């Protein structure tokens, strides 16, 4: 049912998962130190060329927006197209917003941060999701959502960028490396190093060895 971007489960629409399909899971929770909202799409079998290209282009959009450096007081709507450009290049798009503010023990989708025309300019200290996607009616749906903190960029004048705080690997089975630029690959490798550094020791501390082995495999350069 992932082709429906805002699908809600019901007894009549439930389906059995299989390794022949893509699986999209939008997950998160309320914690004492913050709210999480993370989406990943996976395929446990052999994805079609279209599924692999679409997923890779969604990932490219996620990366391009996450690594963007932009002037202070820039409105989210001004930079939103960076998340769509890789899809637009081949005539694809998605029909929902690219991101939203994050509440803490409030609404997960919190006003007024985001990338739509009525959102406020981005400022250091704001949290927003970055979540491009692609949905093919009746076939499959893709969304890759991370939570990012707006931070000051290492530039001479006061510019901003994003620091992704969601530390969850992407599905290697769905990435077409041939589509990624060297800069995008470097970003991925740096992101995977951060995941290993922060999440790996915690899994070891909890003696989750099977999960630790999965993390190491999923974050290979």
C-alpha atoms as a PDB file:
ATOM      1  CA  UNK A   1       0.000   0.000   0.000  1.00  0.00           C
ATOM      2  CA  UNK A   2       3.007   2.315  -0.074  1.00  0.00           C
ATOM      3  CA  UNK A   3       1.922   3.766  -3.421  1.00  0.00           C
ATOM      4  CA  UNK A   4      -0.585   5.749  -1.320  1.00  0.00           C
ATOM      5  CA  UNK A   5       1.583   8.397   0.308  1.00  0.00           C
ATOM      6  CA  UNK A   6      -0.775   8.847   3.275  1.00  0.00           C
ATOM      7  CA  UNK A   7      -2.109   5.299   3.546  1.00  0.00           C
ATOM      8  CA  UNK A   8      -3.888   4.312   6.770  1.00  0.00           C
ATOM      9  CA  UNK A   9      -4.206   0.591   7.569  1.00  0.00           C
ATOM     10  CA  UNK A  10      -7.541  -1.169   7.840  1.00  0.00           C
ATOM     11  CA  UNK A  11      -8.679  -4.793   8.138  1.00  0.00           C
ATOM     12  CA  UNK A  12      -9.904  -4.791   4.554  1.00  0.00           C
ATOM     13  CA  UNK A  13      -6.690  -3.468   2.977  1.00  0.00           C
ATOM     14  CA  UNK A  14      -4.051  -5.468   4.851  1.00  0.00           C
ATOM     15  CA  UNK A  15      -1.560  -7.339   2.672  1.00  0.00           C
ATOM     16  CA  UNK A  16       1.033 -10.028   3.310  1.00  0.00           C
ATOM     17  CA  UNK A  17       4.641  -8.863   3.005  1.00  0.00           C
ATOM     18  CA  UNK A  18       6.860 -10.675   0.539  1.00  0.00           C
ATOM     19  CA  UNK A  19      10.439 -10.467  -0.726  1.00  0.00           C
ATOM     20  CA  UNK A  20       9.129  -9.626  -4.197  1.00  0.00           C
ATOM     21  CA  UNK A  21       7.991  -6.113  -3.294  1.00  0.00           C
ATOM     22  CA  UNK A  22       9.272  -2.842  -1.885  1.00  0.00           C
ATOM     23  CA  UNK A  23       8.450  -2.098   1.727  1.00  0.00           C
ATOM     24  CA  UNK A  24       8.093   1.452   3.061  1.00  0.00           C
ATOM     25  CA  UNK A  25       8.050   2.009   6.801  1.00  0.00           C
ATOM     26  CA  UNK A  26       7.426   5.420   8.385  1.00  0.00           C
ATOM     27  CA  UNK A  27       8.439   5.164  12.018  1.00  0.00           C
ATOM     28  CA  UNK A  28       9.170   7.264  15.060  1.00  0.00           C
ATOM     29  CA  UNK A  29       8.359   7.900  18.688  1.00  0.00           C
ATOM     30  CA  UNK A  30       8.158  10.375  21.533  1.00  0.00           C
ATOM     31  CA  UNK A  31      11.177  10.342  23.858  1.00  0.00           C
ATOM     32  CA  UNK A  32      12.162  12.487  26.836  1.00  0.00           C
ATOM     33  CA  UNK A  33      14.870  14.184  24.759  1.00  0.00           C
ATOM     34  CA  UNK A  34      12.994  14.572  21.488  1.00  0.00           C
ATOM     35  CA  UNK A  35      10.655  13.213  18.855  1.00  0.00           C
ATOM     36  CA  UNK A  36      11.794  11.041  15.949  1.00  0.00           C
ATOM     37  CA  UNK A  37      10.227  10.663  12.515  1.00  0.00           C
ATOM     38  CA  UNK A  38      12.222   8.490  10.107  1.00  0.00           C
ATOM     39  CA  UNK A  39      11.161   6.750   6.900  1.00  0.00           C
ATOM     40  CA  UNK A  40      13.067   4.077   5.000  1.00  0.00           C
ATOM     41  CA  UNK A  41      12.185   2.020   1.930  1.00  0.00           C
ATOM     42  CA  UNK A  42      13.667  -1.442   1.407  1.00  0.00           C
ATOM     43  CA  UNK A  43      13.462  -4.359  -1.011  1.00  0.00           C
ATOM     44  CA  UNK A  44      14.380  -7.843   0.241  1.00  0.00           C
ATOM     45  CA  UNK A  45      14.455  -9.405  -3.221  1.00  0.00           C
ATOM     46  CA  UNK A  46      15.388  -8.264  -6.717  1.00  0.00           C
ATOM     47  CA  UNK A  47      14.144  -4.738  -7.470  1.00  0.00           C
ATOM     48  CA  UNK A  48      13.180  -3.781 -11.013  1.00  0.00           C
ATOM     49  CA  UNK A  49      15.364  -1.270 -12.897  1.00  0.00           C
ATOM     50  CA  UNK A  50      12.636   1.361 -12.482  1.00  0.00           C
ATOM     51  CA  UNK A  51      12.388   0.764  -8.725  1.00  0.00           C
ATOM     52  CA  UNK A  52      16.143   1.034  -8.362  1.00  0.00           C
ATOM     53  CA  UNK A  53      16.414   4.213 -10.429  1.00  0.00           C
ATOM     54  CA  UNK A  54      13.462   5.854  -8.693  1.00  0.00           C
ATOM     55  CA  UNK A  55      14.851   5.016  -5.256  1.00  0.00           C
ATOM     56  CA  UNK A  56      18.299   6.302  -6.188  1.00  0.00           C
ATOM     57  CA  UNK A  57      16.877   9.568  -7.490  1.00  0.00           C
ATOM     58  CA  UNK A  58      14.863  10.043  -4.293  1.00  0.00           C
ATOM     59  CA  UNK A  59      18.063   9.441  -2.320  1.00  0.00           C
ATOM     60  CA  UNK A  60      19.927  11.924  -4.533  1.00  0.00           C
ATOM     61  CA  UNK A  61      17.307  14.555  -3.707  1.00  0.00           C
ATOM     62  CA  UNK A  62      17.577  13.813  -0.020  1.00  0.00           C
ATOM     63  CA  UNK A  63      21.363  14.170  -0.155  1.00  0.00           C
ATOM     64  CA  UNK A  64      21.351  17.296  -2.344  1.00  0.00           C
ATOM     65  CA  UNK A  65      19.092  19.170   0.066  1.00  0.00           C
ATOM     66  CA  UNK A  66      20.834  17.857   3.188  1.00  0.00           C
ATOM     67  CA  UNK A  67      24.286  19.012   2.029  1.00  0.00           C
ATOM     68  CA  UNK A  68      23.117  22.369   0.663  1.00  0.00           C
ATOM     69  CA  UNK A  69      24.760  25.573   1.924  1.00  0.00           C
ATOM     70  CA  UNK A  70      22.480  28.612   1.748  1.00  0.00           C
ATOM     71  CA  UNK A  71      22.273  32.228   3.042  1.00  0.00           C
ATOM     72  CA  UNK A  72      20.773  33.014   6.432  1.00  0.00           C
ATOM     73  CA  UNK A  73      17.082  33.951   6.443  1.00  0.00           C
ATOM     74  CA  UNK A  74      16.391  31.773   3.406  1.00  0.00           C
ATOM     75  CA  UNK A  75      12.850  30.463   3.191  1.00  0.00           C
ATOM     76  CA  UNK A  76      12.475  26.720   2.877  1.00  0.00           C
ATOM     77  CA  UNK A  77      10.449  27.077  -0.317  1.00  0.00           C
ATOM     78  CA  UNK A  78      13.485  28.707  -1.965  1.00  0.00           C
ATOM     79  CA  UNK A  79      15.633  25.575  -1.636  1.00  0.00           C
ATOM     80  CA  UNK A  80      12.916  22.895  -1.800  1.00  0.00           C
ATOM     81  CA  UNK A  81      13.504  22.142  -5.480  1.00  0.00           C
ATOM     82  CA  UNK A  82      16.948  20.687  -4.675  1.00  0.00           C
ATOM     83  CA  UNK A  83      15.109  17.661  -3.263  1.00  0.00           C
ATOM     84  CA  UNK A  84      13.145  17.235  -6.508  1.00  0.00           C
ATOM     85  CA  UNK A  85      15.770  17.996  -9.154  1.00  0.00           C
ATOM     86  CA  UNK A  86      17.050  14.431  -9.676  1.00  0.00           C
ATOM     87  CA  UNK A  87      13.457  13.246 -10.161  1.00  0.00           C
ATOM     88  CA  UNK A  88      12.549  16.180 -12.399  1.00  0.00           C
ATOM     89  CA  UNK A  89      15.514  15.320 -14.641  1.00  0.00           C
ATOM     90  CA  UNK A  90      13.614  12.231 -15.835  1.00  0.00           C
ATOM     91  CA  UNK A  91      10.060  13.564 -15.589  1.00  0.00           C
ATOM     92  CA  UNK A  92       9.196  12.197 -12.128  1.00  0.00           C
ATOM     93  CA  UNK A  93       7.814  14.012  -9.078  1.00  0.00           C
ATOM     94  CA  UNK A  94       5.955  13.535  -5.794  1.00  0.00           C
ATOM     95  CA  UNK A  95       2.755  15.097  -4.537  1.00  0.00           C
ATOM     96  CA  UNK A  96       3.500  16.008  -0.929  1.00  0.00           C
ATOM     97  CA  UNK A  97       5.654  18.475   0.963  1.00  0.00           C
ATOM     98  CA  UNK A  98       9.402  17.964   1.223  1.00  0.00           C
ATOM     99  CA  UNK A  99       9.582  18.461   4.978  1.00  0.00           C
ATOM    100  CA  UNK A 100       7.994  19.681   8.179  1.00  0.00           C
ATOM    101  CA  UNK A 101       8.968  20.914  11.610  1.00  0.00           C
ATOM    102  CA  UNK A 102       9.392  18.429  14.448  1.00  0.00           C
ATOM    103  CA  UNK A 103       7.495  18.763  17.730  1.00  0.00           C
ATOM    104  CA  UNK A 104       8.560  17.472  21.132  1.00  0.00           C
ATOM    105  CA  UNK A 105       5.645  15.798  22.949  1.00  0.00           C
ATOM    106  CA  UNK A 106       3.450  17.789  20.571  1.00  0.00           C
ATOM    107  CA  UNK A 107       2.414  17.154  16.982  1.00  0.00           C
ATOM    108  CA  UNK A 108       5.132  15.329  15.044  1.00  0.00           C
ATOM    109  CA  UNK A 109       4.383  17.694  12.136  1.00  0.00           C
ATOM    110  CA  UNK A 110       4.897  21.032  13.856  1.00  0.00           C
ATOM    111  CA  UNK A 111       4.309  24.498  12.443  1.00  0.00           C
ATOM    112  CA  UNK A 112       5.931  26.790  11.293  1.00  0.00           C
ATOM    113  CA  UNK A 113       9.164  25.136   9.996  1.00  0.00           C
ATOM    114  CA  UNK A 114       9.288  23.469   6.595  1.00  0.00           C
ATOM    115  CA  UNK A 115       9.674  23.939   2.867  1.00  0.00           C
ATOM    116  CA  UNK A 116       6.243  25.196   1.775  1.00  0.00           C
ATOM    117  CA  UNK A 117       5.328  28.723   0.747  1.00  0.00           C
ATOM    118  CA  UNK A 118       3.759  29.593   4.116  1.00  0.00           C
ATOM    119  CA  UNK A 119       6.675  28.420   6.288  1.00  0.00           C
ATOM    120  CA  UNK A 120       9.040  30.811   8.072  1.00  0.00           C
ATOM    121  CA  UNK A 121      12.676  31.392   6.988  1.00  0.00           C
ATOM    122  CA  UNK A 122      15.119  28.762   8.203  1.00  0.00           C
ATOM    123  CA  UNK A 123      17.264  29.655  11.225  1.00  0.00           C
ATOM    124  CA  UNK A 124      20.011  27.829  13.110  1.00  0.00           C
ATOM    125  CA  UNK A 125      18.539  25.586  15.791  1.00  0.00           C
ATOM    126  CA  UNK A 126      15.421  24.572  13.866  1.00  0.00           C
ATOM    127  CA  UNK A 127      14.647  20.909  13.217  1.00  0.00           C
ATOM    128  CA  UNK A 128      12.970  19.851   9.993  1.00  0.00           C
ATOM    129  CA  UNK A 129      12.367  16.633   8.143  1.00  0.00           C
ATOM    130  CA  UNK A 130      13.786  16.128   4.648  1.00  0.00           C
ATOM    131  CA  UNK A 131      11.603  13.583   2.880  1.00  0.00           C
ATOM    132  CA  UNK A 132      11.426  13.375  -0.917  1.00  0.00           C
ATOM    133  CA  UNK A 133       9.591  10.404  -2.407  1.00  0.00           C
ATOM    134  CA  UNK A 134       8.093   8.815  -5.482  1.00  0.00           C
ATOM    135  CA  UNK A 135       4.805   6.911  -5.813  1.00  0.00           C
ATOM    136  CA  UNK A 136       3.634   4.770  -8.711  1.00  0.00           C
ATOM    137  CA  UNK A 137      -0.089   4.067  -8.485  1.00  0.00           C
ATOM    138  CA  UNK A 138      -0.898   0.433  -7.838  1.00  0.00           C
ATOM    139  CA  UNK A 139       2.759  -0.638  -7.911  1.00  0.00           C
ATOM    140  CA  UNK A 140       5.103   0.809  -5.271  1.00  0.00           C
ATOM    141  CA  UNK A 141       5.978   3.806  -3.148  1.00  0.00           C
ATOM    142  CA  UNK A 142       9.311   5.270  -2.068  1.00  0.00           C
ATOM    143  CA  UNK A 143      10.073   7.811   0.631  1.00  0.00           C
ATOM    144  CA  UNK A 144      13.353   8.552   2.397  1.00  0.00           C
ATOM    145  CA  UNK A 145      12.884  10.763   5.442  1.00  0.00           C
ATOM    146  CA  UNK A 146      15.550  12.102   7.760  1.00  0.00           C
ATOM    147  CA  UNK A 147      15.413  14.669  10.535  1.00  0.00           C
ATOM    148  CA  UNK A 148      17.912  17.498  10.096  1.00  0.00           C
ATOM    149  CA  UNK A 149      19.075  20.324  12.334  1.00  0.00           C
ATOM    150  CA  UNK A 150      19.716  23.721  10.760  1.00  0.00           C
ATOM    151  CA  UNK A 151      23.277  24.722  11.682  1.00  0.00           C
ATOM    152  CA  UNK A 152      25.792  27.414  10.763  1.00  0.00           C
ATOM    153  CA  UNK A 153      27.952  26.507   7.774  1.00  0.00           C
ATOM    154  CA  UNK A 154      31.740  26.760   7.812  1.00  0.00           C
ATOM    155  CA  UNK A 155      31.793  29.804   5.532  1.00  0.00           C
ATOM    156  CA  UNK A 156      33.322  33.273   5.778  1.00  0.00           C
ATOM    157  CA  UNK A 157      29.934  34.979   5.828  1.00  0.00           C
ATOM    158  CA  UNK A 158      26.998  33.671   7.940  1.00  0.00           C
ATOM    159  CA  UNK A 159      25.472  30.904   5.823  1.00  0.00           C
ATOM    160  CA  UNK A 160      23.481  27.861   6.947  1.00  0.00           C
ATOM    161  CA  UNK A 161      23.361  24.152   6.166  1.00  0.00           C
ATOM    162  CA  UNK A 162      21.798  20.986   7.598  1.00  0.00           C
ATOM    163  CA  UNK A 163      23.116  18.355   9.992  1.00  0.00           C
ATOM    164  CA  UNK A 164      21.193  15.093   9.589  1.00  0.00           C
ATOM    165  CA  UNK A 165      20.532  13.589  13.027  1.00  0.00           C
ATOM    166  CA  UNK A 166      18.685  10.438  11.901  1.00  0.00           C
ATOM    167  CA  UNK A 167      21.339   7.716  11.937  1.00  0.00           C
ATOM    168  CA  UNK A 168      19.768   4.896   9.903  1.00  0.00           C
ATOM    169  CA  UNK A 169      21.425   3.294   6.844  1.00  0.00           C
ATOM    170  CA  UNK A 170      19.785   3.403   3.421  1.00  0.00           C
ATOM    171  CA  UNK A 171      19.014   0.200   1.499  1.00  0.00           C
ATOM    172  CA  UNK A 172      22.137  -0.750  -0.495  1.00  0.00           C
ATOM    173  CA  UNK A 173      20.020  -3.165  -2.557  1.00  0.00           C
ATOM    174  CA  UNK A 174      18.173  -0.220  -4.111  1.00  0.00           C
ATOM    175  CA  UNK A 175      21.064   2.176  -4.813  1.00  0.00           C
ATOM    176  CA  UNK A 176      22.384   2.532  -8.363  1.00  0.00           C
ATOM    177  CA  UNK A 177      25.877   3.874  -7.710  1.00  0.00           C
ATOM    178  CA  UNK A 178      26.240   4.779 -11.381  1.00  0.00           C
ATOM    179  CA  UNK A 179      23.734   7.612 -10.926  1.00  0.00           C
ATOM    180  CA  UNK A 180      25.466   9.179  -7.926  1.00  0.00           C
ATOM    181  CA  UNK A 181      28.016  11.965  -8.260  1.00  0.00           C
ATOM    182  CA  UNK A 182      31.390  11.733  -6.465  1.00  0.00           C
ATOM    183  CA  UNK A 183      30.159  14.381  -4.019  1.00  0.00           C
ATOM    184  CA  UNK A 184      27.030  12.363  -3.219  1.00  0.00           C
ATOM    185  CA  UNK A 185      29.103   9.215  -2.649  1.00  0.00           C
ATOM    186  CA  UNK A 186      31.459  11.113  -0.333  1.00  0.00           C
ATOM    187  CA  UNK A 187      28.437  12.378   1.605  1.00  0.00           C
ATOM    188  CA  UNK A 188      27.100   8.827   1.949  1.00  0.00           C
ATOM    189  CA  UNK A 189      30.442   7.510   3.189  1.00  0.00           C
ATOM    190  CA  UNK A 190      30.741  10.322   5.729  1.00  0.00           C
ATOM    191  CA  UNK A 191      27.166   9.674   6.892  1.00  0.00           C
ATOM    192  CA  UNK A 192      27.889   5.964   7.296  1.00  0.00           C
ATOM    193  CA  UNK A 193      31.006   6.757   9.342  1.00  0.00           C
ATOM    194  CA  UNK A 194      28.870   8.829  11.711  1.00  0.00           C
ATOM    195  CA  UNK A 195      26.333   5.998  12.016  1.00  0.00           C
ATOM    196  CA  UNK A 196      29.093   3.538  12.904  1.00  0.00           C
ATOM    197  CA  UNK A 197      30.646   5.939  15.405  1.00  0.00           C
ATOM    198  CA  UNK A 198      27.404   6.762  17.241  1.00  0.00           C
ATOM    199  CA  UNK A 199      25.183   3.703  16.882  1.00  0.00           C
ATOM    200  CA  UNK A 200      27.778   0.918  16.790  1.00  0.00           C
ATOM    201  CA  UNK A 201      29.056   1.354  20.377  1.00  0.00           C
ATOM    202  CA  UNK A 202      25.493   1.546  21.690  1.00  0.00           C
ATOM    203  CA  UNK A 203      24.570  -1.751  20.020  1.00  0.00           C
ATOM    204  CA  UNK A 204      27.704  -3.305  21.510  1.00  0.00           C
ATOM    205  CA  UNK A 205      26.815  -1.896  24.932  1.00  0.00           C
ATOM    206  CA  UNK A 206      23.405  -3.556  24.703  1.00  0.00           C
ATOM    207  CA  UNK A 207      25.036  -6.792  23.469  1.00  0.00           C
ATOM    208  CA  UNK A 208      23.016  -6.697  20.244  1.00  0.00           C
ATOM    209  CA  UNK A 209      25.627  -8.523  18.208  1.00  0.00           C
ATOM    210  CA  UNK A 210      23.336  -9.558  15.347  1.00  0.00           C
ATOM    211  CA  UNK A 211      22.171  -5.964  14.964  1.00  0.00           C
ATOM    212  CA  UNK A 212      25.769  -4.734  15.197  1.00  0.00           C
ATOM    213  CA  UNK A 213      26.820  -7.094  12.392  1.00  0.00           C
ATOM    214  CA  UNK A 214      23.898  -5.841  10.266  1.00  0.00           C
ATOM    215  CA  UNK A 215      24.913  -2.239  10.924  1.00  0.00           C
ATOM    216  CA  UNK A 216      28.514  -2.891   9.889  1.00  0.00           C
ATOM    217  CA  UNK A 217      27.401  -4.593   6.681  1.00  0.00           C
ATOM    218  CA  UNK A 218      24.881  -1.845   5.897  1.00  0.00           C
ATOM    219  CA  UNK A 219      27.441   0.938   6.355  1.00  0.00           C
ATOM    220  CA  UNK A 220      30.300  -0.456   4.278  1.00  0.00           C
ATOM    221  CA  UNK A 221      31.867   2.339   2.174  1.00  0.00           C
END
